[in-house]
C-alpha cells in the first residue's frame, strides 16, 4: 500500500510574487519554443532546442532567475503535449512526425 500526503501551501505575498514571475517566465519560454517549432519546416529535436537554452539565458536576463532544470522541464512538457496531439495516431495522420 502506497501512502501519499497532501500539503497546502499558503505563501507570503513576497513568495507569491516570485512564484508568479517564475510561472510567467516559463510561459514565455514555452511560447517561444512553440513559435520556433511552428516556424521550422522539419520538427527540431528536443535536444537541439535544449541546447539553445544557454544562449537564450545570456540574451534574456529573466531566464537566469529560473532553475535550469525547470526550463528543461518546460521544453519536455511542450514535446509531450505536442506528441499527444500530433503524434503517430491512426486518427491524426496529418500531424508532425516526432522523433
Foldseek 3Di string as FASTA:
>chain_A
DDDDDDDDDDDDPVVVVLVVLLVVVLVVLLVVVVVVQVPDPAGDALVVVLVCVVVVCVVDVSSVSDDSVSNSVSSVVSVVVLCVVFNPDPVHPPGHYYD
